[in-house]
Amino acid sequence: MKWKEFFPNKDLAEQPDFEAELLCYPKQKIICDYLSSRQAECHTSNQYNTCFWMLGTLSKDRNELLFQKFHLNYNNELAMFRKGSCTYRHKVIISASKKHFA
């Protein structure tokens, strides 16, 4: 690893890691578009997380911020908005037989 080459005055506290996925795209343009969108997503995510950590990481702090800035009592929001919602489709295949039509 070339950590010291780029950061000579800072010790590496722990091994860096990152999320990765392997993709196979047929054209360079598609790869460039994909990487561009990932870079934009990275920027947005970093910006969001920076705001999150600067504004408060405790639930009570975030609730107070929402109330002070926007007069929103988060605890009064519907559970589907506070906790999320999920739908699940269970597909059942029934074969028809003569006894079903008798």
PDB file of N, CA and C in Angstrom:
ATOM      1  N   MET A   1       0.842  -1.173   0.000  1.00  0.00           N
ATOM      2  CA  MET A   1       0.000   0.000   0.000  1.00  0.00           C
ATOM      3  C   MET A   1       0.891   1.241   0.000  1.00  0.00           C
ATOM      4  N   LYS A   2       0.439   2.277  -0.664  1.00  0.00           N
ATOM      5  CA  LYS A   2       1.251   3.484  -0.823  1.00  0.00           C
ATOM      6  C   LYS A   2       0.743   4.638   0.046  1.00  0.00           C
ATOM      7  N   TRP A   3       0.205   4.345   1.192  1.00  0.00           N
ATOM      8  CA  TRP A   3      -0.356   5.372   2.064  1.00  0.00           C
ATOM      9  C   TRP A   3       0.655   6.463   2.384  1.00  0.00           C
ATOM     10  N   LYS A   4       1.832   6.067   2.846  1.00  0.00           N
ATOM     11  CA  LYS A   4       2.866   7.034   3.258  1.00  0.00           C
ATOM     12  C   LYS A   4       3.334   7.911   2.093  1.00  0.00           C
ATOM     13  N   GLU A   5       3.243   7.388   0.895  1.00  0.00           N
ATOM     14  CA  GLU A   5       3.638   8.164  -0.281  1.00  0.00           C
ATOM     15  C   GLU A   5       2.711   9.373  -0.489  1.00  0.00           C
ATOM     16  N   PHE A   6       1.437   9.179  -0.211  1.00  0.00           N
ATOM     17  CA  PHE A   6       0.458  10.242  -0.412  1.00  0.00           C
ATOM     18  C   PHE A   6       0.188  11.051   0.854  1.00  0.00           C
ATOM     19  N   PHE A   7       0.328  10.408   2.015  1.00  0.00           N
ATOM     20  CA  PHE A   7       0.083  11.068   3.304  1.00  0.00           C
ATOM     21  C   PHE A   7       1.270  10.824   4.238  1.00  0.00           C
ATOM     22  N   PRO A   8       2.411  11.458   3.977  1.00  0.00           N
ATOM     23  CA  PRO A   8       3.625  11.162   4.738  1.00  0.00           C
ATOM     24  C   PRO A   8       3.546  11.547   6.215  1.00  0.00           C
ATOM     25  N   ASN A   9       2.707  12.491   6.572  1.00  0.00           N
ATOM     26  CA  ASN A   9       2.649  12.961   7.953  1.00  0.00           C
ATOM     27  C   ASN A   9       1.461  12.418   8.739  1.00  0.00           C
ATOM     28  N   LYS A  10       0.768  11.454   8.172  1.00  0.00           N
ATOM     29  CA  LYS A  10      -0.409  10.912   8.853  1.00  0.00           C
ATOM     30  C   LYS A  10      -0.350   9.393   8.849  1.00  0.00           C
ATOM     31  N   ASP A  11      -0.438   8.810  10.054  1.00  0.00           N
ATOM     32  CA  ASP A  11      -0.449   7.356  10.169  1.00  0.00           C
ATOM     33  C   ASP A  11      -1.815   6.810   9.774  1.00  0.00           C
ATOM     34  N   LEU A  12      -1.807   5.640   9.182  1.00  0.00           N
ATOM     35  CA  LEU A  12      -3.041   4.965   8.799  1.00  0.00           C
ATOM     36  C   LEU A  12      -3.603   4.266  10.033  1.00  0.00           C
ATOM     37  N   ALA A  13      -4.781   4.683  10.477  1.00  0.00           N
ATOM     38  CA  ALA A  13      -5.376   4.132  11.694  1.00  0.00           C
ATOM     39  C   ALA A  13      -5.888   2.707  11.488  1.00  0.00           C
ATOM     40  N   GLU A  14      -6.475   2.444  10.347  1.00  0.00           N
ATOM     41  CA  GLU A  14      -6.985   1.102  10.055  1.00  0.00           C
ATOM     42  C   GLU A  14      -7.032   0.900   8.549  1.00  0.00           C
ATOM     43  N   GLN A  15      -7.127  -0.334   8.150  1.00  0.00           N
ATOM     44  CA  GLN A  15      -7.156  -0.688   6.736  1.00  0.00           C
ATOM     45  C   GLN A  15      -8.388  -0.077   6.071  1.00  0.00           C
ATOM     46  N   PRO A  16      -8.225   0.705   5.006  1.00  0.00           N
ATOM     47  CA  PRO A  16      -9.400   1.267   4.329  1.00  0.00           C
ATOM     48  C   PRO A  16     -10.168   0.182   3.572  1.00  0.00           C
ATOM     49  N   ASP A  17     -11.462   0.363   3.474  1.00  0.00           N
ATOM     50  CA  ASP A  17     -12.272  -0.558   2.682  1.00  0.00           C
ATOM     51  C   ASP A  17     -13.351   0.244   1.966  1.00  0.00           C
ATOM     52  N   PHE A  18     -13.978  -0.376   1.028  1.00  0.00           N
ATOM     53  CA  PHE A  18     -15.000   0.296   0.248  1.00  0.00           C
ATOM     54  C   PHE A  18     -15.929  -0.741  -0.355  1.00  0.00           C
ATOM     55  N   GLU A  19     -17.097  -0.273  -0.735  1.00  0.00           N
ATOM     56  CA  GLU A  19     -18.065  -1.127  -1.405  1.00  0.00           C
ATOM     57  C   GLU A  19     -17.666  -1.245  -2.868  1.00  0.00           C
ATOM     58  N   ALA A  20     -17.781  -2.422  -3.417  1.00  0.00           N
ATOM     59  CA  ALA A  20     -17.434  -2.608  -4.823  1.00  0.00           C
ATOM     60  C   ALA A  20     -18.368  -3.643  -5.445  1.00  0.00           C
ATOM     61  N   GLU A  21     -18.516  -3.540  -6.732  1.00  0.00           N
ATOM     62  CA  GLU A  21     -19.271  -4.545  -7.468  1.00  0.00           C
ATOM     63  C   GLU A  21     -18.614  -4.744  -8.824  1.00  0.00           C
ATOM     64  N   LEU A  22     -18.747  -5.916  -9.350  1.00  0.00           N
ATOM     65  CA  LEU A  22     -18.136  -6.247 -10.628  1.00  0.00           C
ATOM     66  C   LEU A  22     -19.210  -6.183 -11.706  1.00  0.00           C
ATOM     67  N   LEU A  23     -18.953  -5.377 -12.720  1.00  0.00           N
ATOM     68  CA  LEU A  23     -19.910  -5.201 -13.806  1.00  0.00           C
ATOM     69  C   LEU A  23     -19.212  -5.397 -15.144  1.00  0.00           C
ATOM     70  N   CYS A  24     -19.957  -5.877 -16.100  1.00  0.00           N
ATOM     71  CA  CYS A  24     -19.406  -6.067 -17.437  1.00  0.00           C
ATOM     72  C   CYS A  24     -20.295  -5.308 -18.422  1.00  0.00           C
ATOM     73  N   TYR A  25     -19.777  -4.186 -18.919  1.00  0.00           N
ATOM     74  CA  TYR A  25     -20.531  -3.379 -19.867  1.00  0.00           C
ATOM     75  C   TYR A  25     -19.923  -3.516 -21.261  1.00  0.00           C
ATOM     76  N   PRO A  26     -20.760  -3.503 -22.298  1.00  0.00           N
ATOM     77  CA  PRO A  26     -20.261  -3.760 -23.653  1.00  0.00           C
ATOM     78  C   PRO A  26     -19.523  -2.595 -24.309  1.00  0.00           C
ATOM     79  N   LYS A  27     -19.739  -1.366 -23.817  1.00  0.00           N
ATOM     80  CA  LYS A  27     -19.126  -0.216 -24.486  1.00  0.00           C
ATOM     81  C   LYS A  27     -18.514   0.738 -23.467  1.00  0.00           C
ATOM     82  N   GLN A  28     -17.449   1.409 -23.886  1.00  0.00           N
ATOM     83  CA  GLN A  28     -16.764   2.346 -23.006  1.00  0.00           C
ATOM     84  C   GLN A  28     -17.680   3.498 -22.593  1.00  0.00           C
ATOM     85  N   LYS A  29     -18.537   3.962 -23.476  1.00  0.00           N
ATOM     86  CA  LYS A  29     -19.456   5.063 -23.167  1.00  0.00           C
ATOM     87  C   LYS A  29     -20.368   4.683 -22.008  1.00  0.00           C
ATOM     88  N   ILE A  30     -20.841   3.458 -22.006  1.00  0.00           N
ATOM     89  CA  ILE A  30     -21.718   2.989 -20.929  1.00  0.00           C
ATOM     90  C   ILE A  30     -20.952   2.947 -19.613  1.00  0.00           C
ATOM     91  N   ILE A  31     -19.717   2.496 -19.663  1.00  0.00           N
ATOM     92  CA  ILE A  31     -18.878   2.464 -18.458  1.00  0.00           C
ATOM     93  C   ILE A  31     -18.670   3.881 -17.928  1.00  0.00           C
ATOM     94  N   CYS A  32     -18.342   4.814 -18.814  1.00  0.00           N
ATOM     95  CA  CYS A  32     -18.121   6.213 -18.408  1.00  0.00           C
ATOM     96  C   CYS A  32     -19.386   6.810 -17.797  1.00  0.00           C
ATOM     97  N   ASP A  33     -20.535   6.540 -18.401  1.00  0.00           N
ATOM     98  CA  ASP A  33     -21.800   7.042 -17.861  1.00  0.00           C
ATOM     99  C   ASP A  33     -22.073   6.450 -16.480  1.00  0.00           C
ATOM    100  N   TYR A  34     -21.820   5.154 -16.343  1.00  0.00           N
ATOM    101  CA  TYR A  34     -22.031   4.491 -15.056  1.00  0.00           C
ATOM    102  C   TYR A  34     -21.123   5.090 -13.984  1.00  0.00           C
ATOM    103  N   LEU A  35     -19.834   5.226 -14.296  1.00  0.00           N
ATOM    104  CA  LEU A  35     -18.890   5.774 -13.321  1.00  0.00           C
ATOM    105  C   LEU A  35     -19.233   7.218 -12.972  1.00  0.00           C
ATOM    106  N   SER A  36     -19.697   7.978 -13.936  1.00  0.00           N
ATOM    107  CA  SER A  36     -20.113   9.353 -13.679  1.00  0.00           C
ATOM    108  C   SER A  36     -21.297   9.398 -12.716  1.00  0.00           C
ATOM    109  N   SER A  37     -22.264   8.513 -12.919  1.00  0.00           N
ATOM    110  CA  SER A  37     -23.421   8.487 -12.023  1.00  0.00           C
ATOM    111  C   SER A  37     -23.027   8.033 -10.625  1.00  0.00           C
ATOM    112  N   ARG A  38     -22.099   7.078 -10.526  1.00  0.00           N
ATOM    113  CA  ARG A  38     -21.618   6.635  -9.207  1.00  0.00           C
ATOM    114  C   ARG A  38     -20.873   7.750  -8.491  1.00  0.00           C
ATOM    115  N   GLN A  39     -20.098   8.533  -9.242  1.00  0.00           N
ATOM    116  CA  GLN A  39     -19.368   9.647  -8.647  1.00  0.00           C
ATOM    117  C   GLN A  39     -20.354  10.687  -8.104  1.00  0.00           C
ATOM    118  N   ALA A  40     -21.400  10.982  -8.861  1.00  0.00           N
ATOM    119  CA  ALA A  40     -22.421  11.931  -8.404  1.00  0.00           C
ATOM    120  C   ALA A  40     -23.124  11.389  -7.161  1.00  0.00           C
ATOM    121  N   GLU A  41     -23.416  10.093  -7.165  1.00  0.00           N
ATOM    122  CA  GLU A  41     -24.053   9.458  -6.013  1.00  0.00           C
ATOM    123  C   GLU A  41     -23.146   9.530  -4.785  1.00  0.00           C
ATOM    124  N   CYS A  42     -21.856   9.317  -4.989  1.00  0.00           N
ATOM    125  CA  CYS A  42     -20.874   9.397  -3.904  1.00  0.00           C
ATOM    126  C   CYS A  42     -20.858  10.805  -3.314  1.00  0.00           C
ATOM    127  N   HIS A  43     -20.861  11.807  -4.183  1.00  0.00           N
ATOM    128  CA  HIS A  43     -20.861  13.201  -3.728  1.00  0.00           C
ATOM    129  C   HIS A  43     -22.109  13.500  -2.899  1.00  0.00           C
ATOM    130  N   THR A  44     -23.271  13.113  -3.413  1.00  0.00           N
ATOM    131  CA  THR A  44     -24.529  13.365  -2.717  1.00  0.00           C
ATOM    132  C   THR A  44     -24.549  12.654  -1.368  1.00  0.00           C
ATOM    133  N   SER A  45     -24.108  11.409  -1.357  1.00  0.00           N
ATOM    134  CA  SER A  45     -24.076  10.634  -0.122  1.00  0.00           C
ATOM    135  C   SER A  45     -23.123  11.252   0.895  1.00  0.00           C
ATOM    136  N   ASN A  46     -21.952  11.674   0.436  1.00  0.00           N
ATOM    137  CA  ASN A  46     -20.986  12.302   1.335  1.00  0.00           C
ATOM    138  C   ASN A  46     -21.545  13.608   1.892  1.00  0.00           C
ATOM    139  N   GLN A  47     -22.180  14.394   1.032  1.00  0.00           N
ATOM    140  CA  GLN A  47     -22.772  15.660   1.462  1.00  0.00           C
ATOM    141  C   GLN A  47     -23.870  15.412   2.498  1.00  0.00           C
ATOM    142  N   TYR A  48     -24.716  14.423   2.233  1.00  0.00           N
ATOM    143  CA  TYR A  48     -25.787  14.080   3.164  1.00  0.00           C
ATOM    144  C   TYR A  48     -25.211  13.646   4.509  1.00  0.00           C
ATOM    145  N   ASN A  49     -24.243  12.738   4.469  1.00  0.00           N
ATOM    146  CA  ASN A  49     -23.665  12.228   5.711  1.00  0.00           C
ATOM    147  C   ASN A  49     -22.924  13.309   6.486  1.00  0.00           C
ATOM    148  N   THR A  50     -22.264  14.224   5.785  1.00  0.00           N
ATOM    149  CA  THR A  50     -21.592  15.333   6.463  1.00  0.00           C
ATOM    150  C   THR A  50     -22.616  16.186   7.201  1.00  0.00           C
ATOM    151  N   CYS A  51     -23.720  16.506   6.544  1.00  0.00           N
ATOM    152  CA  CYS A  51     -24.783  17.276   7.201  1.00  0.00           C
ATOM    153  C   CYS A  51     -25.344  16.509   8.395  1.00  0.00           C
ATOM    154  N   PHE A  52     -25.584  15.227   8.206  1.00  0.00           N
ATOM    155  CA  PHE A  52     -26.136  14.389   9.266  1.00  0.00           C
ATOM    156  C   PHE A  52     -25.254  14.426  10.508  1.00  0.00           C
ATOM    157  N   TRP A  53     -23.965  14.198  10.337  1.00  0.00           N
ATOM    158  CA  TRP A  53     -23.056  14.144  11.480  1.00  0.00           C
ATOM    159  C   TRP A  53     -22.839  15.513  12.104  1.00  0.00           C
ATOM    160  N   MET A  54     -22.888  16.568  11.306  1.00  0.00           N
ATOM    161  CA  MET A  54     -22.701  17.914  11.848  1.00  0.00           C
ATOM    162  C   MET A  54     -23.939  18.390  12.619  1.00  0.00           C
ATOM    163  N   LEU A  55     -25.118  17.969  12.177  1.00  0.00           N
ATOM    164  CA  LEU A  55     -26.354  18.442  12.798  1.00  0.00           C
ATOM    165  C   LEU A  55     -26.740  17.650  14.037  1.00  0.00           C
ATOM    166  N   GLY A  56     -26.320  16.433  14.137  1.00  0.00           N
ATOM    167  CA  GLY A  56     -26.647  15.631  15.314  1.00  0.00           C
ATOM    168  C   GLY A  56     -26.868  14.190  14.952  1.00  0.00           C
ATOM    169  N   THR A  57     -26.348  13.317  15.775  1.00  0.00           N
ATOM    170  CA  THR A  57     -26.467  11.894  15.491  1.00  0.00           C
ATOM    171  C   THR A  57     -27.472  11.210  16.409  1.00  0.00           C
ATOM    172  N   LEU A  58     -27.878  11.882  17.466  1.00  0.00           N
ATOM    173  CA  LEU A  58     -28.863  11.285  18.362  1.00  0.00           C
ATOM    174  C   LEU A  58     -30.269  11.599  17.864  1.00  0.00           C
ATOM    175  N   SER A  59     -31.151  10.638  18.019  1.00  0.00           N
ATOM    176  CA  SER A  59     -32.525  10.796  17.547  1.00  0.00           C
ATOM    177  C   SER A  59     -33.184  12.025  18.171  1.00  0.00           C
ATOM    178  N   LYS A  60     -32.977  12.226  19.466  1.00  0.00           N
ATOM    179  CA  LYS A  60     -33.610  13.382  20.128  1.00  0.00           C
ATOM    180  C   LYS A  60     -33.105  14.699  19.547  1.00  0.00           C
ATOM    181  N   ASP A  61     -31.811  14.746  19.167  1.00  0.00           N
ATOM    182  CA  ASP A  61     -31.257  15.965  18.560  1.00  0.00           C
ATOM    183  C   ASP A  61     -31.871  16.224  17.186  1.00  0.00           C
ATOM    184  N   ARG A  62     -32.034  15.170  16.408  1.00  0.00           N
ATOM    185  CA  ARG A  62     -32.630  15.327  15.080  1.00  0.00           C
ATOM    186  C   ARG A  62     -34.099  15.734  15.189  1.00  0.00           C
ATOM    187  N   ASN A  63     -34.814  15.129  16.144  1.00  0.00           N
ATOM    188  CA  ASN A  63     -36.218  15.494  16.349  1.00  0.00           C
ATOM    189  C   ASN A  63     -36.347  16.957  16.760  1.00  0.00           C
ATOM    190  N   GLU A  64     -35.465  17.397  17.636  1.00  0.00           N
ATOM    191  CA  GLU A  64     -35.492  18.799  18.077  1.00  0.00           C
ATOM    192  C   GLU A  64     -35.189  19.739  16.914  1.00  0.00           C
ATOM    193  N   LEU A  65     -34.236  19.363  16.083  1.00  0.00           N
ATOM    194  CA  LEU A  65     -33.893  20.169  14.910  1.00  0.00           C
ATOM    195  C   LEU A  65     -35.093  20.288  13.963  1.00  0.00           C
ATOM    196  N   LEU A  66     -35.776  19.181  13.710  1.00  0.00           N
ATOM    197  CA  LEU A  66     -36.960  19.206  12.847  1.00  0.00           C
ATOM    198  C   LEU A  66     -38.050  20.103  13.427  1.00  0.00           C
ATOM    199  N   PHE A  67     -38.199  20.047  14.746  1.00  0.00           N
ATOM    200  CA  PHE A  67     -39.237  20.865  15.367  1.00  0.00           C
ATOM    201  C   PHE A  67     -38.869  22.348  15.341  1.00  0.00           C
ATOM    202  N   GLN A  68     -37.630  22.678  15.677  1.00  0.00           N
ATOM    203  CA  GLN A  68     -37.199  24.084  15.713  1.00  0.00           C
ATOM    204  C   GLN A  68     -37.206  24.725  14.326  1.00  0.00           C
ATOM    205  N   LYS A  69     -36.679  24.018  13.349  1.00  0.00           N
ATOM    206  CA  LYS A  69     -36.526  24.604  12.007  1.00  0.00           C
ATOM    207  C   LYS A  69     -37.800  24.546  11.169  1.00  0.00           C
ATOM    208  N   PHE A  70     -38.579  23.465  11.339  1.00  0.00           N
ATOM    209  CA  PHE A  70     -39.707  23.234  10.435  1.00  0.00           C
ATOM    210  C   PHE A  70     -41.044  23.045  11.149  1.00  0.00           C
ATOM    211  N   HIS A  71     -41.059  23.182  12.483  1.00  0.00           N
ATOM    212  CA  HIS A  71     -42.280  22.994  13.277  1.00  0.00           C
ATOM    213  C   HIS A  71     -42.902  21.624  12.996  1.00  0.00           C
ATOM    214  N   LEU A  72     -42.045  20.636  12.872  1.00  0.00           N
ATOM    215  CA  LEU A  72     -42.482  19.279  12.570  1.00  0.00           C
ATOM    216  C   LEU A  72     -42.188  18.385  13.765  1.00  0.00           C
ATOM    217  N   ASN A  73     -43.263  17.826  14.345  1.00  0.00           N
ATOM    218  CA  ASN A  73     -43.085  16.850  15.415  1.00  0.00           C
ATOM    219  C   ASN A  73     -43.009  15.476  14.756  1.00  0.00           C
ATOM    220  N   TYR A  74     -41.808  14.968  14.648  1.00  0.00           N
ATOM    221  CA  TYR A  74     -41.571  13.729  13.909  1.00  0.00           C
ATOM    222  C   TYR A  74     -42.350  12.553  14.493  1.00  0.00           C
ATOM    223  N   ASN A  75     -42.555  12.547  15.797  1.00  0.00           N
ATOM    224  CA  ASN A  75     -43.279  11.444  16.433  1.00  0.00           C
ATOM    225  C   ASN A  75     -44.746  11.407  16.021  1.00  0.00           C
ATOM    226  N   ASN A  76     -45.268  12.516  15.493  1.00  0.00           N
ATOM    227  CA  ASN A  76     -46.659  12.549  15.033  1.00  0.00           C
ATOM    228  C   ASN A  76     -46.816  12.080  13.584  1.00  0.00           C
ATOM    229  N   GLU A  77     -45.724  11.847  12.897  1.00  0.00           N
ATOM    230  CA  GLU A  77     -45.797  11.348  11.518  1.00  0.00           C
ATOM    231  C   GLU A  77     -46.295   9.901  11.529  1.00  0.00           C
ATOM    232  N   LEU A  78     -46.976   9.507  10.482  1.00  0.00           N
ATOM    233  CA  LEU A  78     -47.458   8.127  10.381  1.00  0.00           C
ATOM    234  C   LEU A  78     -46.281   7.153  10.420  1.00  0.00           C
ATOM    235  N   ALA A  79     -46.504   6.002  11.030  1.00  0.00           N
ATOM    236  CA  ALA A  79     -45.441   5.002  11.166  1.00  0.00           C
ATOM    237  C   ALA A  79     -44.863   4.598   9.814  1.00  0.00           C
ATOM    238  N   MET A  80     -45.702   4.568   8.775  1.00  0.00           N
ATOM    239  CA  MET A  80     -45.196   4.157   7.461  1.00  0.00           C
ATOM    240  C   MET A  80     -44.150   5.137   6.929  1.00  0.00           C
ATOM    241  N   PHE A  81     -44.188   6.397   7.390  1.00  0.00           N
ATOM    242  CA  PHE A  81     -43.185   7.373   6.981  1.00  0.00           C
ATOM    243  C   PHE A  81     -41.995   7.381   7.939  1.00  0.00           C
ATOM    244  N   ARG A  82     -42.238   7.110   9.220  1.00  0.00           N
ATOM    245  CA  ARG A  82     -41.149   7.094  10.197  1.00  0.00           C
ATOM    246  C   ARG A  82     -40.311   5.825  10.079  1.00  0.00           C
ATOM    247  N   LYS A  83     -40.978   4.709   9.830  1.00  0.00           N
ATOM    248  CA  LYS A  83     -40.288   3.423   9.866  1.00  0.00           C
ATOM    249  C   LYS A  83     -40.163   2.766   8.503  1.00  0.00           C
ATOM    250  N   GLY A  84     -40.796   3.334   7.505  1.00  0.00           N
ATOM    251  CA  GLY A  84     -40.762   2.730   6.179  1.00  0.00           C
ATOM    252  C   GLY A  84     -41.885   1.729   6.018  1.00  0.00           C
ATOM    253  N   SER A  85     -42.060   1.272   4.827  1.00  0.00           N
ATOM    254  CA  SER A  85     -43.091   0.283   4.556  1.00  0.00           C
ATOM    255  C   SER A  85     -42.555  -0.709   3.535  1.00  0.00           C
ATOM    256  N   CYS A  86     -43.180  -1.843   3.502  1.00  0.00           N
ATOM    257  CA  CYS A  86     -42.715  -2.904   2.616  1.00  0.00           C
ATOM    258  C   CYS A  86     -43.935  -3.646   2.086  1.00  0.00           C
ATOM    259  N   THR A  87     -43.884  -4.033   0.846  1.00  0.00           N
ATOM    260  CA  THR A  87     -44.935  -4.879   0.293  1.00  0.00           C
ATOM    261  C   THR A  87     -44.299  -6.180  -0.173  1.00  0.00           C
ATOM    262  N   TYR A  88     -45.055  -7.218  -0.076  1.00  0.00           N
ATOM    263  CA  TYR A  88     -44.569  -8.531  -0.472  1.00  0.00           C
ATOM    264  C   TYR A  88     -45.680  -9.224  -1.238  1.00  0.00           C
ATOM    265  N   ARG A  89     -45.337  -9.766  -2.371  1.00  0.00           N
ATOM    266  CA  ARG A  89     -46.314 -10.492  -3.178  1.00  0.00           C
ATOM    267  C   ARG A  89     -45.960 -11.965  -3.113  1.00  0.00           C
ATOM    268  N   HIS A  90     -46.883 -12.737  -2.587  1.00  0.00           N
ATOM    269  CA  HIS A  90     -46.695 -14.183  -2.524  1.00  0.00           C
ATOM    270  C   HIS A  90     -47.497 -14.791  -3.669  1.00  0.00           C
ATOM    271  N   LYS A  91     -46.803 -15.299  -4.638  1.00  0.00           N
ATOM    272  CA  LYS A  91     -47.458 -15.837  -5.821  1.00  0.00           C
ATOM    273  C   LYS A  91     -47.792 -17.310  -5.578  1.00  0.00           C
ATOM    274  N   VAL A  92     -49.062 -17.646  -5.758  1.00  0.00           N
ATOM    275  CA  VAL A  92     -49.527 -19.018  -5.581  1.00  0.00           C
ATOM    276  C   VAL A  92     -50.016 -19.520  -6.930  1.00  0.00           C
ATOM    277  N   ILE A  93     -49.492 -20.634  -7.341  1.00  0.00           N
ATOM    278  CA  ILE A  93     -49.909 -21.238  -8.610  1.00  0.00           C
ATOM    279  C   ILE A  93     -50.850 -22.389  -8.290  1.00  0.00           C
ATOM    280  N   ILE A  94     -52.050 -22.292  -8.832  1.00  0.00           N
ATOM    281  CA  ILE A  94     -53.049 -23.339  -8.619  1.00  0.00           C
ATOM    282  C   ILE A  94     -53.347 -23.966  -9.967  1.00  0.00           C
ATOM    283  N   SER A  95     -53.191 -25.251 -10.020  1.00  0.00           N
ATOM    284  CA  SER A  95     -53.497 -25.925 -11.283  1.00  0.00           C
ATOM    285  C   SER A  95     -54.984 -26.269 -11.311  1.00  0.00           C
ATOM    286  N   ALA A  96     -55.576 -26.084 -12.451  1.00  0.00           N
ATOM    287  CA  ALA A  96     -57.005 -26.358 -12.610  1.00  0.00           C
ATOM    288  C   ALA A  96     -57.215 -27.842 -12.868  1.00  0.00           C
ATOM    289  N   SER A  97     -58.237 -28.365 -12.265  1.00  0.00           N
ATOM    290  CA  SER A  97     -58.605 -29.757 -12.525  1.00  0.00           C
ATOM    291  C   SER A  97     -60.126 -29.823 -12.658  1.00  0.00           C
ATOM    292  N   LYS A  98     -60.630 -30.948 -13.059  1.00  0.00           N
ATOM    293  CA  LYS A  98     -62.071 -31.093 -13.272  1.00  0.00           C
ATOM    294  C   LYS A  98     -62.859 -30.841 -11.989  1.00  0.00           C
ATOM    295  N   LYS A  99     -62.313 -31.224 -10.835  1.00  0.00           N
ATOM    296  CA  LYS A  99     -63.072 -31.065  -9.590  1.00  0.00           C
ATOM    297  C   LYS A  99     -63.266 -29.579  -9.232  1.00  0.00           C
ATOM    298  N   HIS A 100     -62.408 -28.695  -9.728  1.00  0.00           N
ATOM    299  CA  HIS A 100     -62.578 -27.269  -9.467  1.00  0.00           C
ATOM    300  C   HIS A 100     -63.763 -26.695 -10.242  1.00  0.00           C
ATOM    301  N   PHE A 101     -64.143 -27.340 -11.323  1.00  0.00           N
ATOM    302  CA  PHE A 101     -65.198 -26.812 -12.177  1.00  0.00           C
ATOM    303  C   PHE A 101     -66.503 -27.588 -12.038  1.00  0.00           C
ATOM    304  N   ALA A 102     -66.565 -28.522 -11.141  1.00  0.00           N
ATOM    305  CA  ALA A 102     -67.769 -29.357 -10.999  1.00  0.00           C
ATOM    306  C   ALA A 102     -68.844 -28.680 -10.191  1.00  0.00           C
TER     307      ALA A 102
END
